Amino acid sequence: MGITAVVQVAIVWISGSISLLADTVHNLGHLATTIPLIIAFRIGLRAPTRRYPYGFRRAEDLVGLFIGLIIALSAALIIWESVRAIGQPRELTNLGWVAAAALVGAAGNEVVARYRIRVGRRISSAALVAEGQHARTDALTSLAVLLGVGGAMLGYPQVDAVVGLLIAAVILLVLWASMRTTVHRLMDGVEPQVLARLEEVAGSVPGVRTVRRTRARWSGHRMEADLEVDVDPALTVGQADDVAHEVRRALTSTVPNLDGVAVHACAAPDTAV
């Protein structure tokens, strides 16, 4: 991504293309956000402390907010330059190089996007998936630069600036989608299907009558949960604890990305064991 951005900066300098500038700024945004994302993953590997007993994995989600800020700033710069270019059209040169830079940028971004999204989904990292979607947007916007080149070749340099505005609009749409997921996790939100899966697995364990309460939350790309299950009131404390242990084992071996789970066995209907 760094090499692609450097090449595009040079071509923006010699061509004056606003649409290519928009694509380049977005690529530079990737370069600026990759490093803090790596740092966040490193911080998340630290062991829990007395001050942070749940560990440091939330650093990933905080970096997700930082990534959103960088995306928003890049969109603002693109809009500013595009509006200026529409009001004061500028002559574009070296259009062949602009087209070549657009194709190279599209290919490079798509490769990065597929890798990041695949890994992000595999480890359930919202921040990494957001970065992958960010890169995929770049691939599409790189191809949109070709529209600006075509308009300039036909004698309509304003088309290049309009394409820049379209790129900014796409960037803002991706920003909205990715930030919803990040904020959702920072607020301890979890997908309903995750809770349904936890209840399904826990309810299938022999000795569990019903699942009374289920809670879960994401911490970075890992998940923690706690459940209350009803068991036969005739069971001893030790037997109830064995059922709870089996529920924990079933959940951690079945539910992806579940790092830890607390299970409380309660005597049905209300009396605690």
C-alpha atoms as a PDB file:
ATOM      1  CA  MET A   1       0.000   0.000   0.000  1.00  0.00           C
ATOM      2  CA  GLY A   2       2.879   2.337   0.760  1.00  0.00           C
ATOM      3  CA  ILE A   3       4.486   1.750  -2.635  1.00  0.00           C
ATOM      4  CA  THR A   4       1.158   2.287  -4.393  1.00  0.00           C
ATOM      5  CA  ALA A   5       0.585   5.562  -2.543  1.00  0.00           C
ATOM      6  CA  VAL A   6       4.070   6.898  -3.348  1.00  0.00           C
ATOM      7  CA  VAL A   7       3.613   6.167  -7.059  1.00  0.00           C
ATOM      8  CA  GLN A   8       0.201   7.830  -7.056  1.00  0.00           C
ATOM      9  CA  VAL A   9       1.505  10.925  -5.265  1.00  0.00           C
ATOM     10  CA  ALA A  10       4.049  11.405  -8.037  1.00  0.00           C
ATOM     11  CA  ILE A  11       1.407  11.068 -10.747  1.00  0.00           C
ATOM     12  CA  VAL A  12      -0.987  13.447  -8.936  1.00  0.00           C
ATOM     13  CA  TRP A  13       1.850  15.970  -8.887  1.00  0.00           C
ATOM     14  CA  ILE A  14       2.435  15.831 -12.638  1.00  0.00           C
ATOM     15  CA  SER A  15      -1.222  15.465 -13.697  1.00  0.00           C
ATOM     16  CA  GLY A  16      -3.317  17.598 -11.331  1.00  0.00           C
ATOM     17  CA  SER A  17      -6.045  14.928 -11.201  1.00  0.00           C
ATOM     18  CA  ILE A  18      -8.463  15.450  -8.295  1.00  0.00           C
ATOM     19  CA  SER A  19      -9.987  12.000  -8.608  1.00  0.00           C
ATOM     20  CA  LEU A  20      -6.535  10.413  -8.403  1.00  0.00           C
ATOM     21  CA  LEU A  21      -5.754  12.710  -5.468  1.00  0.00           C
ATOM     22  CA  ALA A  22      -8.864  11.342  -3.721  1.00  0.00           C
ATOM     23  CA  ASP A  23      -7.710   7.785  -4.338  1.00  0.00           C
ATOM     24  CA  THR A  24      -4.192   8.609  -3.149  1.00  0.00           C
ATOM     25  CA  VAL A  25      -5.390  10.267   0.059  1.00  0.00           C
ATOM     26  CA  HIS A  26      -7.458   7.193   0.826  1.00  0.00           C
ATOM     27  CA  ASN A  27      -4.430   4.940   0.267  1.00  0.00           C
ATOM     28  CA  LEU A  28      -2.340   7.128   2.556  1.00  0.00           C
ATOM     29  CA  GLY A  29      -5.112   6.737   5.131  1.00  0.00           C
ATOM     30  CA  HIS A  30      -4.535   2.983   5.003  1.00  0.00           C
ATOM     31  CA  LEU A  31      -0.853   3.532   5.589  1.00  0.00           C
ATOM     32  CA  ALA A  32      -1.588   5.795   8.567  1.00  0.00           C
ATOM     33  CA  THR A  33      -4.025   3.368  10.215  1.00  0.00           C
ATOM     34  CA  THR A  34      -2.180   0.083   9.732  1.00  0.00           C
ATOM     35  CA  ILE A  35       0.516   0.882  12.293  1.00  0.00           C
ATOM     36  CA  PRO A  36      -1.850   1.704  15.199  1.00  0.00           C
ATOM     37  CA  LEU A  37      -3.872  -1.418  14.342  1.00  0.00           C
ATOM     38  CA  ILE A  38      -0.725  -3.542  14.708  1.00  0.00           C
ATOM     39  CA  ILE A  39       0.028  -1.795  18.006  1.00  0.00           C
ATOM     40  CA  ALA A  40      -3.523  -2.527  19.206  1.00  0.00           C
ATOM     41  CA  PHE A  41      -3.119  -6.241  18.498  1.00  0.00           C
ATOM     42  CA  ARG A  42       0.168  -6.223  20.415  1.00  0.00           C
ATOM     43  CA  ILE A  43      -1.411  -4.446  23.372  1.00  0.00           C
ATOM     44  CA  GLY A  44      -4.258  -6.955  23.335  1.00  0.00           C
ATOM     45  CA  LEU A  45      -1.779  -9.781  23.928  1.00  0.00           C
ATOM     46  CA  ARG A  46      -0.789  -8.402  27.321  1.00  0.00           C
ATOM     47  CA  ALA A  47      -1.841 -10.375  30.387  1.00  0.00           C
ATOM     48  CA  PRO A  48      -4.665  -8.979  32.562  1.00  0.00           C
ATOM     49  CA  THR A  49      -3.666  -6.826  35.528  1.00  0.00           C
ATOM     50  CA  ARG A  50      -5.334  -5.743  38.762  1.00  0.00           C
ATOM     51  CA  ARG A  51      -6.364  -2.477  37.090  1.00  0.00           C
ATOM     52  CA  TYR A  52      -7.472  -4.192  33.866  1.00  0.00           C
ATOM     53  CA  PRO A  53      -8.718  -7.610  35.005  1.00  0.00           C
ATOM     54  CA  TYR A  54     -10.391  -8.276  31.651  1.00  0.00           C
ATOM     55  CA  GLY A  55      -7.186  -7.602  29.729  1.00  0.00           C
ATOM     56  CA  PHE A  56      -6.406  -5.090  26.993  1.00  0.00           C
ATOM     57  CA  ARG A  57      -8.219  -6.416  23.931  1.00  0.00           C
ATOM     58  CA  ARG A  58     -10.545  -3.406  23.827  1.00  0.00           C
ATOM     59  CA  ALA A  59      -7.582  -1.516  22.351  1.00  0.00           C
ATOM     60  CA  GLU A  60      -8.665  -2.953  18.978  1.00  0.00           C
ATOM     61  CA  ASP A  61     -12.052  -1.245  19.189  1.00  0.00           C
ATOM     62  CA  LEU A  62     -10.514   2.041  20.303  1.00  0.00           C
ATOM     63  CA  VAL A  63      -8.206   1.917  17.290  1.00  0.00           C
ATOM     64  CA  GLY A  64     -11.322   1.296  15.199  1.00  0.00           C
ATOM     65  CA  LEU A  65     -12.525   4.750  16.291  1.00  0.00           C
ATOM     66  CA  PHE A  66      -9.162   6.230  15.326  1.00  0.00           C
ATOM     67  CA  ILE A  67      -9.436   4.595  11.907  1.00  0.00           C
ATOM     68  CA  GLY A  68     -12.869   6.175  11.513  1.00  0.00           C
ATOM     69  CA  LEU A  69     -11.417   9.597  12.300  1.00  0.00           C
ATOM     70  CA  ILE A  70      -8.710   9.171   9.653  1.00  0.00           C
ATOM     71  CA  ILE A  71     -11.317   8.101   7.084  1.00  0.00           C
ATOM     72  CA  ALA A  72     -13.500  11.116   7.933  1.00  0.00           C
ATOM     73  CA  LEU A  73     -10.562  13.525   7.602  1.00  0.00           C
ATOM     74  CA  SER A  74      -9.570  12.041   4.247  1.00  0.00           C
ATOM     75  CA  ALA A  75     -13.156  12.416   2.986  1.00  0.00           C
ATOM     76  CA  ALA A  76     -13.211  16.064   4.142  1.00  0.00           C
ATOM     77  CA  LEU A  77      -9.964  16.808   2.261  1.00  0.00           C
ATOM     78  CA  ILE A  78     -11.279  15.146  -0.886  1.00  0.00           C
ATOM     79  CA  ILE A  79     -14.547  17.124  -0.741  1.00  0.00           C
ATOM     80  CA  TRP A  80     -12.653  20.384  -0.237  1.00  0.00           C
ATOM     81  CA  GLU A  81     -10.328  19.830  -3.189  1.00  0.00           C
ATOM     82  CA  SER A  82     -13.143  18.569  -5.421  1.00  0.00           C
ATOM     83  CA  VAL A  83     -15.336  21.615  -4.776  1.00  0.00           C
ATOM     84  CA  ARG A  84     -12.369  23.896  -5.485  1.00  0.00           C
ATOM     85  CA  ALA A  85     -11.677  22.089  -8.753  1.00  0.00           C
ATOM     86  CA  ILE A  86     -15.320  22.355  -9.856  1.00  0.00           C
ATOM     87  CA  GLY A  87     -15.284  26.120  -9.221  1.00  0.00           C
ATOM     88  CA  GLN A  88     -11.857  26.578 -10.789  1.00  0.00           C
ATOM     89  CA  PRO A  89     -11.324  23.851 -13.407  1.00  0.00           C
ATOM     90  CA  ARG A  90      -7.680  22.970 -13.917  1.00  0.00           C
ATOM     91  CA  GLU A  91      -5.997  21.454 -16.940  1.00  0.00           C
ATOM     92  CA  LEU A  92      -5.143  17.786 -16.562  1.00  0.00           C
ATOM     93  CA  THR A  93      -2.021  16.307 -18.115  1.00  0.00           C
ATOM     94  CA  ASN A  94      -0.400  12.882 -18.454  1.00  0.00           C
ATOM     95  CA  LEU A  95      -3.802  11.190 -18.487  1.00  0.00           C
ATOM     96  CA  GLY A  96      -2.304   7.875 -19.574  1.00  0.00           C
ATOM     97  CA  TRP A  97      -0.253   7.747 -16.399  1.00  0.00           C
ATOM     98  CA  VAL A  98      -3.341   8.630 -14.347  1.00  0.00           C
ATOM     99  CA  ALA A  99      -5.237   5.695 -15.877  1.00  0.00           C
ATOM    100  CA  ALA A 100      -2.319   3.349 -15.227  1.00  0.00           C
ATOM    101  CA  ALA A 101      -2.076   4.512 -11.609  1.00  0.00           C
ATOM    102  CA  ALA A 102      -5.810   3.899 -11.167  1.00  0.00           C
ATOM    103  CA  LEU A 103      -5.540   0.313 -12.401  1.00  0.00           C
ATOM    104  CA  VAL A 104      -2.512  -0.413 -10.215  1.00  0.00           C
ATOM    105  CA  GLY A 105      -4.255   1.119  -7.212  1.00  0.00           C
ATOM    106  CA  ALA A 106      -7.388  -0.965  -7.800  1.00  0.00           C
ATOM    107  CA  ALA A 107      -5.441  -4.217  -8.031  1.00  0.00           C
ATOM    108  CA  GLY A 108      -3.320  -3.494  -4.965  1.00  0.00           C
ATOM    109  CA  ASN A 109      -6.279  -2.463  -2.837  1.00  0.00           C
ATOM    110  CA  GLU A 110      -8.355  -5.497  -3.758  1.00  0.00           C
ATOM    111  CA  VAL A 111      -5.526  -7.861  -2.786  1.00  0.00           C
ATOM    112  CA  VAL A 112      -5.150  -6.109   0.581  1.00  0.00           C
ATOM    113  CA  ALA A 113      -8.929  -5.998   1.101  1.00  0.00           C
ATOM    114  CA  ARG A 114      -9.446  -9.717   0.561  1.00  0.00           C
ATOM    115  CA  TYR A 115      -6.642 -10.596   2.942  1.00  0.00           C
ATOM    116  CA  ARG A 116      -7.786  -8.259   5.723  1.00  0.00           C
ATOM    117  CA  ILE A 117     -11.467  -9.173   5.503  1.00  0.00           C
ATOM    118  CA  ARG A 118     -10.713 -12.909   5.417  1.00  0.00           C
ATOM    119  CA  VAL A 119      -8.449 -12.740   8.461  1.00  0.00           C
ATOM    120  CA  GLY A 120     -10.706 -10.264  10.273  1.00  0.00           C
ATOM    121  CA  ARG A 121     -13.738 -12.542   9.894  1.00  0.00           C
ATOM    122  CA  ARG A 122     -11.749 -15.597  10.896  1.00  0.00           C
ATOM    123  CA  ILE A 123     -10.654 -13.993  14.167  1.00  0.00           C
ATOM    124  CA  SER A 124     -13.833 -11.854  14.520  1.00  0.00           C
ATOM    125  CA  SER A 125     -11.916  -8.559  14.603  1.00  0.00           C
ATOM    126  CA  ALA A 126     -14.264  -5.675  13.768  1.00  0.00           C
ATOM    127  CA  ALA A 127     -11.326  -3.282  13.392  1.00  0.00           C
ATOM    128  CA  LEU A 128      -9.545  -5.505  10.869  1.00  0.00           C
ATOM    129  CA  VAL A 129     -12.733  -6.110   8.877  1.00  0.00           C
ATOM    130  CA  ALA A 130     -13.300  -2.339   8.829  1.00  0.00           C
ATOM    131  CA  GLU A 131      -9.816  -1.863   7.431  1.00  0.00           C
ATOM    132  CA  GLY A 132     -10.519  -4.521   4.795  1.00  0.00           C
ATOM    133  CA  GLN A 133     -13.738  -2.784   3.763  1.00  0.00           C
ATOM    134  CA  HIS A 134     -11.772   0.451   3.669  1.00  0.00           C
ATOM    135  CA  ALA A 135      -9.318  -1.147   1.231  1.00  0.00           C
ATOM    136  CA  ARG A 136     -12.138  -2.588  -0.921  1.00  0.00           C
ATOM    137  CA  THR A 137     -13.627   0.877  -1.201  1.00  0.00           C
ATOM    138  CA  ASP A 138     -10.258   2.083  -2.420  1.00  0.00           C
ATOM    139  CA  ALA A 139     -10.265  -0.563  -5.155  1.00  0.00           C
ATOM    140  CA  LEU A 140     -13.625   0.643  -6.426  1.00  0.00           C
ATOM    141  CA  THR A 141     -12.695   4.304  -6.165  1.00  0.00           C
ATOM    142  CA  SER A 142      -9.457   3.632  -8.028  1.00  0.00           C
ATOM    143  CA  LEU A 143     -11.509   2.347 -10.955  1.00  0.00           C
ATOM    144  CA  ALA A 144     -13.761   5.422 -10.691  1.00  0.00           C
ATOM    145  CA  VAL A 145     -10.702   7.541 -11.481  1.00  0.00           C
ATOM    146  CA  LEU A 146     -10.965   6.195 -15.022  1.00  0.00           C
ATOM    147  CA  LEU A 147     -14.244   8.106 -15.402  1.00  0.00           C
ATOM    148  CA  GLY A 148     -12.422  11.331 -14.631  1.00  0.00           C
ATOM    149  CA  VAL A 149      -9.759  10.447 -17.177  1.00  0.00           C
ATOM    150  CA  GLY A 150     -12.417   9.807 -19.807  1.00  0.00           C
ATOM    151  CA  GLY A 151     -14.134  13.113 -19.083  1.00  0.00           C
ATOM    152  CA  ALA A 152     -10.865  15.017 -19.337  1.00  0.00           C
ATOM    153  CA  MET A 153     -10.061  13.352 -22.667  1.00  0.00           C
ATOM    154  CA  LEU A 154     -13.465  14.487 -23.988  1.00  0.00           C
ATOM    155  CA  GLY A 155     -12.791  18.052 -22.889  1.00  0.00           C
ATOM    156  CA  TYR A 156     -14.720  18.077 -19.606  1.00  0.00           C
ATOM    157  CA  PRO A 157     -12.165  18.444 -16.806  1.00  0.00           C
ATOM    158  CA  GLN A 158     -14.959  19.026 -14.257  1.00  0.00           C
ATOM    159  CA  VAL A 159     -15.831  15.330 -14.521  1.00  0.00           C
ATOM    160  CA  ASP A 160     -12.591  14.551 -12.698  1.00  0.00           C
ATOM    161  CA  ALA A 161     -13.661  16.717  -9.742  1.00  0.00           C
ATOM    162  CA  VAL A 162     -17.173  15.232  -9.739  1.00  0.00           C
ATOM    163  CA  VAL A 163     -15.650  11.747  -9.553  1.00  0.00           C
ATOM    164  CA  GLY A 164     -13.665  12.989  -6.560  1.00  0.00           C
ATOM    165  CA  LEU A 165     -16.936  13.932  -4.832  1.00  0.00           C
ATOM    166  CA  LEU A 166     -18.423  10.524  -5.662  1.00  0.00           C
ATOM    167  CA  ILE A 167     -15.384   8.843  -4.130  1.00  0.00           C
ATOM    168  CA  ALA A 168     -15.834  10.931  -0.982  1.00  0.00           C
ATOM    169  CA  ALA A 169     -19.503   9.882  -0.786  1.00  0.00           C
ATOM    170  CA  VAL A 170     -18.570   6.193  -1.028  1.00  0.00           C
ATOM    171  CA  ILE A 171     -15.930   6.674   1.665  1.00  0.00           C
ATOM    172  CA  LEU A 172     -18.525   8.209   4.012  1.00  0.00           C
ATOM    173  CA  LEU A 173     -20.931   5.302   3.434  1.00  0.00           C
ATOM    174  CA  VAL A 174     -18.224   2.790   4.320  1.00  0.00           C
ATOM    175  CA  LEU A 175     -17.319   4.908   7.355  1.00  0.00           C
ATOM    176  CA  TRP A 176     -20.911   4.754   8.607  1.00  0.00           C
ATOM    177  CA  ALA A 177     -21.129   0.979   8.222  1.00  0.00           C
ATOM    178  CA  SER A 178     -17.796   0.216   9.897  1.00  0.00           C
ATOM    179  CA  MET A 179     -18.287   2.673  12.775  1.00  0.00           C
ATOM    180  CA  ARG A 180     -21.685   1.159  13.611  1.00  0.00           C
ATOM    181  CA  THR A 181     -19.999  -2.187  14.274  1.00  0.00           C
ATOM    182  CA  THR A 182     -17.158  -0.655  16.276  1.00  0.00           C
ATOM    183  CA  VAL A 183     -19.428   1.465  18.501  1.00  0.00           C
ATOM    184  CA  HIS A 184     -21.776  -1.500  18.907  1.00  0.00           C
ATOM    185  CA  ARG A 185     -18.945  -3.536  20.420  1.00  0.00           C
ATOM    186  CA  LEU A 186     -17.666  -0.695  22.586  1.00  0.00           C
ATOM    187  CA  MET A 187     -21.159  -0.572  24.099  1.00  0.00           C
ATOM    188  CA  ASP A 188     -20.953  -4.329  24.854  1.00  0.00           C
ATOM    189  CA  GLY A 189     -23.369  -5.116  22.061  1.00  0.00           C
ATOM    190  CA  VAL A 190     -23.446  -8.644  20.694  1.00  0.00           C
ATOM    191  CA  GLU A 191     -25.252 -10.207  17.754  1.00  0.00           C
ATOM    192  CA  PRO A 192     -28.570 -11.895  18.718  1.00  0.00           C
ATOM    193  CA  GLN A 193     -27.564 -15.070  16.872  1.00  0.00           C
ATOM    194  CA  VAL A 194     -24.545 -15.382  19.172  1.00  0.00           C
ATOM    195  CA  LEU A 195     -26.756 -15.481  22.264  1.00  0.00           C
ATOM    196  CA  ALA A 196     -29.092 -17.936  20.550  1.00  0.00           C
ATOM    197  CA  ARG A 197     -26.145 -20.219  19.796  1.00  0.00           C
ATOM    198  CA  LEU A 198     -24.901 -20.057  23.403  1.00  0.00           C
ATOM    199  CA  GLU A 199     -28.357 -20.964  24.704  1.00  0.00           C
ATOM    200  CA  GLU A 200     -28.727 -23.778  22.194  1.00  0.00           C
ATOM    201  CA  VAL A 201     -25.417 -25.396  23.129  1.00  0.00           C
ATOM    202  CA  ALA A 202     -25.910 -24.954  26.887  1.00  0.00           C
ATOM    203  CA  GLY A 203     -29.457 -26.310  26.724  1.00  0.00           C
ATOM    204  CA  SER A 204     -28.283 -29.477  24.992  1.00  0.00           C
ATOM    205  CA  VAL A 205     -25.962 -30.486  27.852  1.00  0.00           C
ATOM    206  CA  PRO A 206     -27.361 -33.406  29.918  1.00  0.00           C
ATOM    207  CA  GLY A 207     -28.581 -32.207  33.304  1.00  0.00           C
ATOM    208  CA  VAL A 208     -29.564 -28.698  32.132  1.00  0.00           C
ATOM    209  CA  ARG A 209     -33.306 -28.129  32.390  1.00  0.00           C
ATOM    210  CA  THR A 210     -33.439 -24.557  31.095  1.00  0.00           C
ATOM    211  CA  VAL A 211     -31.051 -21.676  30.402  1.00  0.00           C
ATOM    212  CA  ARG A 212     -32.208 -18.906  32.704  1.00  0.00           C
ATOM    213  CA  ARG A 213     -29.972 -16.028  31.611  1.00  0.00           C
ATOM    214  CA  THR A 214     -27.333 -15.535  28.937  1.00  0.00           C
ATOM    215  CA  ARG A 215     -24.931 -12.623  28.499  1.00  0.00           C
ATOM    216  CA  ALA A 216     -21.951 -12.135  26.230  1.00  0.00           C
ATOM    217  CA  ARG A 217     -19.690  -9.354  25.052  1.00  0.00           C
ATOM    218  CA  TRP A 218     -16.829  -8.852  22.652  1.00  0.00           C
ATOM    219  CA  SER A 219     -13.400  -7.820  23.862  1.00  0.00           C
ATOM    220  CA  GLY A 220     -11.427  -7.065  20.734  1.00  0.00           C
ATOM    221  CA  HIS A 221     -11.767 -10.132  18.540  1.00  0.00           C
ATOM    222  CA  ARG A 222     -12.483 -12.517  21.432  1.00  0.00           C
ATOM    223  CA  MET A 223     -15.722 -13.047  23.339  1.00  0.00           C
ATOM    224  CA  GLU A 224     -16.633 -13.623  26.982  1.00  0.00           C
ATOM    225  CA  ALA A 225     -19.951 -14.938  28.312  1.00  0.00           C
ATOM    226  CA  ASP A 226     -21.791 -15.887  31.493  1.00  0.00           C
ATOM    227  CA  LEU A 227     -24.887 -18.048  31.854  1.00  0.00           C
ATOM    228  CA  GLU A 228     -27.291 -19.210  34.546  1.00  0.00           C
ATOM    229  CA  VAL A 229     -28.717 -22.700  34.009  1.00  0.00           C
ATOM    230  CA  ASP A 230     -31.407 -24.535  35.947  1.00  0.00           C
ATOM    231  CA  VAL A 231     -30.628 -28.066  37.161  1.00  0.00           C
ATOM    232  CA  ASP A 232     -32.482 -30.711  39.172  1.00  0.00           C
ATOM    233  CA  PRO A 233     -32.895 -29.457  42.793  1.00  0.00           C
ATOM    234  CA  ALA A 234     -32.074 -32.991  44.009  1.00  0.00           C
ATOM    235  CA  LEU A 235     -28.479 -32.714  42.741  1.00  0.00           C
ATOM    236  CA  THR A 236     -25.700 -32.168  45.240  1.00  0.00           C
ATOM    237  CA  VAL A 237     -23.468 -29.112  45.012  1.00  0.00           C
ATOM    238  CA  GLY A 238     -20.743 -31.264  43.480  1.00  0.00           C
ATOM    239  CA  GLN A 239     -23.091 -32.754  40.896  1.00  0.00           C
ATOM    240  CA  ALA A 240     -24.430 -29.304  39.961  1.00  0.00           C
ATOM    241  CA  ASP A 241     -20.860 -28.106  39.589  1.00  0.00           C
ATOM    242  CA  ASP A 242     -20.143 -31.030  37.247  1.00  0.00           C
ATOM    243  CA  VAL A 243     -23.070 -29.967  35.040  1.00  0.00           C
ATOM    244  CA  ALA A 244     -21.749 -26.391  34.977  1.00  0.00           C
ATOM    245  CA  HIS A 245     -18.311 -27.704  34.011  1.00  0.00           C
ATOM    246  CA  GLU A 246     -19.797 -29.663  31.110  1.00  0.00           C
ATOM    247  CA  VAL A 247     -21.653 -26.566  29.924  1.00  0.00           C
ATOM    248  CA  ARG A 248     -18.389 -24.603  29.939  1.00  0.00           C
ATOM    249  CA  ARG A 249     -16.588 -27.347  28.047  1.00  0.00           C
ATOM    250  CA  ALA A 250     -19.363 -27.615  25.442  1.00  0.00           C
ATOM    251  CA  LEU A 251     -19.467 -23.863  24.882  1.00  0.00           C
ATOM    252  CA  THR A 252     -15.717 -23.265  24.584  1.00  0.00           C
ATOM    253  CA  SER A 253     -15.317 -26.214  22.211  1.00  0.00           C
ATOM    254  CA  THR A 254     -18.296 -25.302  20.025  1.00  0.00           C
ATOM    255  CA  VAL A 255     -18.697 -21.510  19.879  1.00  0.00           C
ATOM    256  CA  PRO A 256     -15.957 -19.773  17.836  1.00  0.00           C
ATOM    257  CA  ASN A 257     -13.895 -17.015  19.471  1.00  0.00           C
ATOM    258  CA  LEU A 258     -15.309 -17.722  22.937  1.00  0.00           C
ATOM    259  CA  ASP A 259     -12.392 -17.062  25.249  1.00  0.00           C
ATOM    260  CA  GLY A 260     -13.981 -17.573  28.642  1.00  0.00           C
ATOM    261  CA  VAL A 261     -17.388 -18.395  30.093  1.00  0.00           C
ATOM    262  CA  ALA A 262     -18.798 -18.401  33.621  1.00  0.00           C
ATOM    263  CA  VAL A 263     -21.651 -20.839  34.265  1.00  0.00           C
ATOM    264  CA  HIS A 264     -23.856 -20.679  37.389  1.00  0.00           C
ATOM    265  CA  ALA A 265     -25.925 -23.781  38.161  1.00  0.00           C
ATOM    266  CA  CYS A 266     -29.166 -22.998  39.962  1.00  0.00           C
ATOM    267  CA  ALA A 267     -31.802 -25.324  41.383  1.00  0.00           C
ATOM    268  CA  ALA A 268     -35.057 -25.163  39.429  1.00  0.00           C
ATOM    269  CA  PRO A 269     -37.096 -23.112  39.824  1.00  0.00           C
ATOM    270  CA  ASP A 270     -35.635 -20.526  42.205  1.00  0.00           C
ATOM    271  CA  THR A 271     -33.527 -22.045  44.994  1.00  0.00           C
ATOM    272  CA  ALA A 272     -29.773 -21.771  44.436  1.00  0.00           C
ATOM    273  CA  VAL A 273     -27.718 -24.956  44.733  1.00  0.00           C
END
